[in-house]
Amino acid sequence: MDIEVFNKVLFFWFIFFITPGPVWLPVMAVTAKKSWSQVVRFFLSTFFIANLFIQVPQAIVSVLFVGVITQIFGEIGFIFYFVGGTYIFYLSFKAFKSRQKKSSLQLNVVNLAMLMLLSPKIWLLFPSGASITNQLTPNLMLNAGIYALTMLSVSSAIFFFHVLVGKVGQKILDDNFSYLVVFLLSGFGVFLFTQGYYAILQ
């Protein structure tokens, strides 16, 4: 296994989950006023379950999909980087024009799972990370397992980061959150376009 590629996979997941999206914003809103014991219960009873049964299969499917498409049509993995990067820059533009609003949303496993299933960010960007992951080993199933496991681990850790932001960063969320989102999303977009450029050169 190529450790340099594995580090890129970890970095992909880190910046994927550090950037707010359709899943994280409701999570921050719901957990902002919960005690830490309630947050842990929410994580175990809702977030982790939805993540395990929805995003793990999404990660596996993405690796297999990208692997099969690449085998059939040749080295076209760079397309997924540019598609994902373009979408991220679109989100950055939308975030720049938007204002964060307060929410009274209540999340359970079902509606959190629906957010994950219907999130364009997930479906458009998981293949970008899958393109990186398929450079790890020649075995698609092994790559899929590594991709899904690293996703589950990183997203679980970042969950608590977003909870913390929601709890102690209310001033930031109210006044400057859109600018923070623009910065994070733009960095993610640059990362994806850079990986796509390197993929073309290989």
C-alpha atoms as a PDB file:
ATOM      1  CA  MET A   1       0.000   0.000   0.000  1.00  0.00           C
ATOM      2  CA  ASP A   2       1.307   3.447  -0.972  1.00  0.00           C
ATOM      3  CA  ILE A   3       1.566   5.487   2.253  1.00  0.00           C
ATOM      4  CA  GLU A   4       1.718   8.774   0.329  1.00  0.00           C
ATOM      5  CA  VAL A   5      -1.593   7.959  -1.354  1.00  0.00           C
ATOM      6  CA  PHE A   6      -3.076   6.870   1.989  1.00  0.00           C
ATOM      7  CA  ASN A   7      -2.091  10.230   3.478  1.00  0.00           C
ATOM      8  CA  LYS A   8      -3.852  11.942   0.561  1.00  0.00           C
ATOM      9  CA  VAL A   9      -6.974   9.896   1.331  1.00  0.00           C
ATOM     10  CA  LEU A  10      -6.872  11.018   4.968  1.00  0.00           C
ATOM     11  CA  PHE A  11      -6.348  14.617   3.878  1.00  0.00           C
ATOM     12  CA  PHE A  12      -9.275  14.317   1.454  1.00  0.00           C
ATOM     13  CA  TRP A  13     -11.578  13.122   4.237  1.00  0.00           C
ATOM     14  CA  PHE A  14     -10.327  15.788   6.615  1.00  0.00           C
ATOM     15  CA  ILE A  15     -11.072  18.695   4.288  1.00  0.00           C
ATOM     16  CA  PHE A  16     -14.270  17.008   3.047  1.00  0.00           C
ATOM     17  CA  PHE A  17     -15.678  16.809   6.566  1.00  0.00           C
ATOM     18  CA  ILE A  18     -14.193  20.069   7.886  1.00  0.00           C
ATOM     19  CA  THR A  19     -16.188  21.987   5.259  1.00  0.00           C
ATOM     20  CA  PRO A  20     -19.817  22.497   6.331  1.00  0.00           C
ATOM     21  CA  GLY A  21     -22.530  20.992   4.183  1.00  0.00           C
ATOM     22  CA  PRO A  22     -26.113  19.700   4.258  1.00  0.00           C
ATOM     23  CA  VAL A  23     -25.244  17.238   7.052  1.00  0.00           C
ATOM     24  CA  TRP A  24     -23.030  19.340   9.318  1.00  0.00           C
ATOM     25  CA  LEU A  25     -25.113  22.491   9.514  1.00  0.00           C
ATOM     26  CA  PRO A  26     -28.168  20.673  10.978  1.00  0.00           C
ATOM     27  CA  VAL A  27     -25.874  18.689  13.307  1.00  0.00           C
ATOM     28  CA  MET A  28     -24.429  21.941  14.674  1.00  0.00           C
ATOM     29  CA  ALA A  29     -27.890  23.461  15.049  1.00  0.00           C
ATOM     30  CA  VAL A  30     -29.299  20.405  16.853  1.00  0.00           C
ATOM     31  CA  THR A  31     -26.372  19.888  19.232  1.00  0.00           C
ATOM     32  CA  ALA A  32     -25.667  23.553  20.075  1.00  0.00           C
ATOM     33  CA  LYS A  33     -27.773  23.484  23.257  1.00  0.00           C
ATOM     34  CA  LYS A  34     -27.247  19.852  24.245  1.00  0.00           C
ATOM     35  CA  SER A  35     -25.031  18.855  27.167  1.00  0.00           C
ATOM     36  CA  TRP A  36     -21.956  16.801  26.292  1.00  0.00           C
ATOM     37  CA  SER A  37     -23.598  13.629  27.631  1.00  0.00           C
ATOM     38  CA  GLN A  38     -26.571  14.311  25.338  1.00  0.00           C
ATOM     39  CA  VAL A  39     -24.165  14.962  22.455  1.00  0.00           C
ATOM     40  CA  VAL A  40     -22.511  11.566  22.989  1.00  0.00           C
ATOM     41  CA  ARG A  41     -25.928   9.876  23.086  1.00  0.00           C
ATOM     42  CA  PHE A  42     -26.922  11.691  19.871  1.00  0.00           C
ATOM     43  CA  PHE A  43     -23.662  10.585  18.237  1.00  0.00           C
ATOM     44  CA  LEU A  44     -24.137   6.910  19.193  1.00  0.00           C
ATOM     45  CA  SER A  45     -27.893   6.669  18.633  1.00  0.00           C
ATOM     46  CA  THR A  46     -28.229   8.836  15.513  1.00  0.00           C
ATOM     47  CA  PHE A  47     -25.115  10.112  13.742  1.00  0.00           C
ATOM     48  CA  PHE A  48     -22.930   6.998  13.912  1.00  0.00           C
ATOM     49  CA  ILE A  49     -25.786   4.695  12.877  1.00  0.00           C
ATOM     50  CA  ALA A  50     -26.747   6.856   9.871  1.00  0.00           C
ATOM     51  CA  ASN A  51     -23.076   7.192   8.949  1.00  0.00           C
ATOM     52  CA  LEU A  52     -22.479   3.439   9.192  1.00  0.00           C
ATOM     53  CA  PHE A  53     -25.501   2.374   7.152  1.00  0.00           C
ATOM     54  CA  ILE A  54     -25.549   5.206   4.595  1.00  0.00           C
ATOM     55  CA  GLN A  55     -22.133   6.808   4.078  1.00  0.00           C
ATOM     56  CA  VAL A  56     -20.090   3.606   4.402  1.00  0.00           C
ATOM     57  CA  PRO A  57     -22.020   1.998   1.489  1.00  0.00           C
ATOM     58  CA  GLN A  58     -21.758   5.295  -0.430  1.00  0.00           C
ATOM     59  CA  ALA A  59     -17.980   5.202  -0.003  1.00  0.00           C
ATOM     60  CA  ILE A  60     -17.745   1.556  -1.105  1.00  0.00           C
ATOM     61  CA  VAL A  61     -19.991   2.135  -4.137  1.00  0.00           C
ATOM     62  CA  SER A  62     -17.915   5.178  -5.127  1.00  0.00           C
ATOM     63  CA  VAL A  63     -14.652   3.219  -5.151  1.00  0.00           C
ATOM     64  CA  LEU A  64     -16.166   0.341  -7.137  1.00  0.00           C
ATOM     65  CA  PHE A  65     -17.906   2.732  -9.557  1.00  0.00           C
ATOM     66  CA  VAL A  66     -14.772   4.758 -10.246  1.00  0.00           C
ATOM     67  CA  GLY A  67     -12.670   1.588 -10.513  1.00  0.00           C
ATOM     68  CA  VAL A  68     -15.010  -0.039 -13.048  1.00  0.00           C
ATOM     69  CA  ILE A  69     -15.444   3.156 -15.099  1.00  0.00           C
ATOM     70  CA  THR A  70     -11.681   3.645 -15.203  1.00  0.00           C
ATOM     71  CA  GLN A  71     -11.106   0.041 -16.294  1.00  0.00           C
ATOM     72  CA  ILE A  72     -13.677   0.366 -19.086  1.00  0.00           C
ATOM     73  CA  PHE A  73     -12.853   3.824 -20.392  1.00  0.00           C
ATOM     74  CA  GLY A  74      -9.192   4.177 -19.471  1.00  0.00           C
ATOM     75  CA  GLU A  75      -7.468   6.733 -17.279  1.00  0.00           C
ATOM     76  CA  ILE A  76     -10.292   9.251 -16.904  1.00  0.00           C
ATOM     77  CA  GLY A  77     -10.188   9.566 -13.118  1.00  0.00           C
ATOM     78  CA  PHE A  78      -9.164  13.223 -13.442  1.00  0.00           C
ATOM     79  CA  ILE A  79     -12.745  13.999 -14.568  1.00  0.00           C
ATOM     80  CA  PHE A  80     -14.066  13.215 -11.093  1.00  0.00           C
ATOM     81  CA  TYR A  81     -11.605  15.683  -9.557  1.00  0.00           C
ATOM     82  CA  PHE A  82     -12.743  18.493 -11.854  1.00  0.00           C
ATOM     83  CA  VAL A  83     -16.444  17.692 -11.420  1.00  0.00           C
ATOM     84  CA  GLY A  84     -16.041  17.682  -7.637  1.00  0.00           C
ATOM     85  CA  GLY A  85     -13.855  20.795  -7.659  1.00  0.00           C
ATOM     86  CA  THR A  86     -16.325  22.689  -9.849  1.00  0.00           C
ATOM     87  CA  TYR A  87     -19.181  21.811  -7.508  1.00  0.00           C
ATOM     88  CA  ILE A  88     -17.146  22.907  -4.488  1.00  0.00           C
ATOM     89  CA  PHE A  89     -16.424  26.297  -6.067  1.00  0.00           C
ATOM     90  CA  TYR A  90     -20.156  26.603  -6.815  1.00  0.00           C
ATOM     91  CA  LEU A  91     -20.886  25.945  -3.126  1.00  0.00           C
ATOM     92  CA  SER A  92     -18.246  28.509  -2.194  1.00  0.00           C
ATOM     93  CA  PHE A  93     -19.971  31.113  -4.387  1.00  0.00           C
ATOM     94  CA  LYS A  94     -23.369  30.291  -2.863  1.00  0.00           C
ATOM     95  CA  ALA A  95     -21.917  30.482   0.654  1.00  0.00           C
ATOM     96  CA  PHE A  96     -20.419  33.890  -0.085  1.00  0.00           C
ATOM     97  CA  LYS A  97     -23.864  35.212  -1.007  1.00  0.00           C
ATOM     98  CA  SER A  98     -25.748  33.536   1.831  1.00  0.00           C
ATOM     99  CA  ARG A  99     -26.502  34.332   5.457  1.00  0.00           C
ATOM    100  CA  GLN A 100     -26.522  31.713   8.192  1.00  0.00           C
ATOM    101  CA  LYS A 101     -29.956  31.407   9.809  1.00  0.00           C
ATOM    102  CA  LYS A 102     -30.995  29.866  13.074  1.00  0.00           C
ATOM    103  CA  SER A 103     -32.741  26.498  12.876  1.00  0.00           C
ATOM    104  CA  SER A 104     -35.028  24.511  15.146  1.00  0.00           C
ATOM    105  CA  LEU A 105     -34.466  21.286  13.190  1.00  0.00           C
ATOM    106  CA  GLN A 106     -34.737  18.002  15.093  1.00  0.00           C
ATOM    107  CA  LEU A 107     -32.638  15.163  13.705  1.00  0.00           C
ATOM    108  CA  ASN A 108     -33.227  11.434  13.984  1.00  0.00           C
ATOM    109  CA  VAL A 109     -31.632   8.500  12.158  1.00  0.00           C
ATOM    110  CA  VAL A 110     -34.170   8.574   9.324  1.00  0.00           C
ATOM    111  CA  ASN A 111     -33.984  12.253   8.380  1.00  0.00           C
ATOM    112  CA  LEU A 112     -30.212  12.383   8.897  1.00  0.00           C
ATOM    113  CA  ALA A 113     -29.922   9.344   6.605  1.00  0.00           C
ATOM    114  CA  MET A 114     -32.083  11.154   4.031  1.00  0.00           C
ATOM    115  CA  LEU A 115     -29.779  14.180   4.204  1.00  0.00           C
ATOM    116  CA  MET A 116     -26.814  11.897   3.503  1.00  0.00           C
ATOM    117  CA  LEU A 117     -28.601  10.115   0.655  1.00  0.00           C
ATOM    118  CA  LEU A 118     -29.760  13.330  -1.016  1.00  0.00           C
ATOM    119  CA  SER A 119     -26.622  15.428  -0.461  1.00  0.00           C
ATOM    120  CA  PRO A 120     -25.067  16.450  -3.810  1.00  0.00           C
ATOM    121  CA  LYS A 121     -21.814  17.154  -1.958  1.00  0.00           C
ATOM    122  CA  ILE A 122     -21.522  13.477  -1.018  1.00  0.00           C
ATOM    123  CA  TRP A 123     -22.395  11.997  -4.417  1.00  0.00           C
ATOM    124  CA  LEU A 124     -20.289  14.467  -6.408  1.00  0.00           C
ATOM    125  CA  LEU A 125     -17.229  14.385  -4.147  1.00  0.00           C
ATOM    126  CA  PHE A 126     -17.001  10.787  -2.914  1.00  0.00           C
ATOM    127  CA  PRO A 127     -15.869   9.728  -6.437  1.00  0.00           C
ATOM    128  CA  SER A 128     -13.091  12.347  -6.280  1.00  0.00           C
ATOM    129  CA  GLY A 129     -11.702  10.704  -3.149  1.00  0.00           C
ATOM    130  CA  ALA A 130     -12.294   7.284  -4.686  1.00  0.00           C
ATOM    131  CA  SER A 131     -10.051   8.265  -7.597  1.00  0.00           C
ATOM    132  CA  ILE A 132      -7.272   8.913  -5.093  1.00  0.00           C
ATOM    133  CA  THR A 133      -8.014   5.717  -3.139  1.00  0.00           C
ATOM    134  CA  ASN A 134      -7.866   3.477  -6.206  1.00  0.00           C
ATOM    135  CA  GLN A 135      -4.164   4.325  -6.455  1.00  0.00           C
ATOM    136  CA  LEU A 136      -3.557   2.516  -3.144  1.00  0.00           C
ATOM    137  CA  THR A 137      -3.610  -1.108  -4.319  1.00  0.00           C
ATOM    138  CA  PRO A 138      -4.726  -3.086  -7.402  1.00  0.00           C
ATOM    139  CA  ASN A 139      -7.549  -4.638  -5.331  1.00  0.00           C
ATOM    140  CA  LEU A 140     -10.806  -2.670  -5.619  1.00  0.00           C
ATOM    141  CA  MET A 141     -12.481  -4.309  -2.615  1.00  0.00           C
ATOM    142  CA  LEU A 142      -9.468  -3.620  -0.384  1.00  0.00           C
ATOM    143  CA  ASN A 143      -9.434  -0.007  -1.560  1.00  0.00           C
ATOM    144  CA  ALA A 144     -13.179   0.258  -0.880  1.00  0.00           C
ATOM    145  CA  GLY A 145     -12.736  -1.087   2.642  1.00  0.00           C
ATOM    146  CA  ILE A 146      -9.889   1.328   3.414  1.00  0.00           C
ATOM    147  CA  TYR A 147     -11.865   4.245   1.946  1.00  0.00           C
ATOM    148  CA  ALA A 148     -14.987   3.430   3.972  1.00  0.00           C
ATOM    149  CA  LEU A 149     -13.079   2.807   7.225  1.00  0.00           C
ATOM    150  CA  THR A 150     -11.078   6.025   6.989  1.00  0.00           C
ATOM    151  CA  MET A 151     -14.300   7.904   6.171  1.00  0.00           C
ATOM    152  CA  LEU A 152     -16.032   6.499   9.252  1.00  0.00           C
ATOM    153  CA  SER A 153     -13.073   7.310  11.504  1.00  0.00           C
ATOM    154  CA  VAL A 154     -12.480  10.858  10.256  1.00  0.00           C
ATOM    155  CA  SER A 155     -16.176  11.802  10.144  1.00  0.00           C
ATOM    156  CA  SER A 156     -16.656  10.554  13.719  1.00  0.00           C
ATOM    157  CA  ALA A 157     -13.793  12.734  14.942  1.00  0.00           C
ATOM    158  CA  ILE A 158     -14.921  15.762  12.937  1.00  0.00           C
ATOM    159  CA  PHE A 159     -18.452  15.346  14.338  1.00  0.00           C
ATOM    160  CA  PHE A 160     -17.191  16.504  17.728  1.00  0.00           C
ATOM    161  CA  PHE A 161     -15.283  19.382  16.124  1.00  0.00           C
ATOM    162  CA  HIS A 162     -18.492  20.657  14.524  1.00  0.00           C
ATOM    163  CA  VAL A 163     -20.360  20.253  17.797  1.00  0.00           C
ATOM    164  CA  LEU A 164     -17.692  22.368  19.485  1.00  0.00           C
ATOM    165  CA  VAL A 165     -17.944  25.017  16.765  1.00  0.00           C
ATOM    166  CA  GLY A 166     -21.711  25.064  17.224  1.00  0.00           C
ATOM    167  CA  LYS A 167     -21.393  25.445  20.993  1.00  0.00           C
ATOM    168  CA  VAL A 168     -18.621  27.993  21.472  1.00  0.00           C
ATOM    169  CA  GLY A 169     -18.628  29.685  18.080  1.00  0.00           C
ATOM    170  CA  GLN A 170     -22.084  31.256  18.083  1.00  0.00           C
ATOM    171  CA  LYS A 171     -20.633  34.698  17.425  1.00  0.00           C
ATOM    172  CA  ILE A 172     -18.658  33.357  14.481  1.00  0.00           C
ATOM    173  CA  LEU A 173     -21.683  31.458  13.167  1.00  0.00           C
ATOM    174  CA  ASP A 174     -23.893  34.538  13.361  1.00  0.00           C
ATOM    175  CA  ASP A 175     -21.525  37.108  11.909  1.00  0.00           C
ATOM    176  CA  ASN A 176     -18.710  35.602   9.861  1.00  0.00           C
ATOM    177  CA  PHE A 177     -19.631  31.973   9.238  1.00  0.00           C
ATOM    178  CA  SER A 178     -20.221  32.401   5.500  1.00  0.00           C
ATOM    179  CA  TYR A 179     -16.678  33.755   5.048  1.00  0.00           C
ATOM    180  CA  LEU A 180     -15.201  30.806   6.949  1.00  0.00           C
ATOM    181  CA  VAL A 181     -17.193  28.444   4.719  1.00  0.00           C
ATOM    182  CA  VAL A 182     -15.968  30.231   1.574  1.00  0.00           C
ATOM    183  CA  PHE A 183     -12.344  29.899   2.728  1.00  0.00           C
ATOM    184  CA  LEU A 184     -12.664  26.187   3.585  1.00  0.00           C
ATOM    185  CA  LEU A 185     -14.585  25.303   0.418  1.00  0.00           C
ATOM    186  CA  SER A 186     -12.165  27.226  -1.803  1.00  0.00           C
ATOM    187  CA  GLY A 187      -9.250  25.343  -0.266  1.00  0.00           C
ATOM    188  CA  PHE A 188     -11.019  22.050  -0.958  1.00  0.00           C
ATOM    189  CA  GLY A 189     -11.678  23.099  -4.565  1.00  0.00           C
ATOM    190  CA  VAL A 190      -8.016  23.985  -5.099  1.00  0.00           C
ATOM    191  CA  PHE A 191      -6.990  20.601  -3.652  1.00  0.00           C
ATOM    192  CA  LEU A 192      -9.301  18.718  -6.059  1.00  0.00           C
ATOM    193  CA  PHE A 193      -8.198  20.679  -9.119  1.00  0.00           C
ATOM    194  CA  THR A 194      -4.545  20.136  -8.164  1.00  0.00           C
ATOM    195  CA  GLN A 195      -5.107  16.376  -7.876  1.00  0.00           C
ATOM    196  CA  GLY A 196      -6.882  16.395 -11.242  1.00  0.00           C
ATOM    197  CA  TYR A 197      -3.946  18.237 -12.827  1.00  0.00           C
ATOM    198  CA  TYR A 198      -1.496  15.678 -11.392  1.00  0.00           C
ATOM    199  CA  ALA A 199      -3.713  12.839 -12.643  1.00  0.00           C
ATOM    200  CA  ILE A 200      -3.509  14.226 -16.199  1.00  0.00           C
ATOM    201  CA  LEU A 201       0.286  14.439 -16.004  1.00  0.00           C
ATOM    202  CA  GLN A 202       0.707  10.826 -14.824  1.00  0.00           C
END
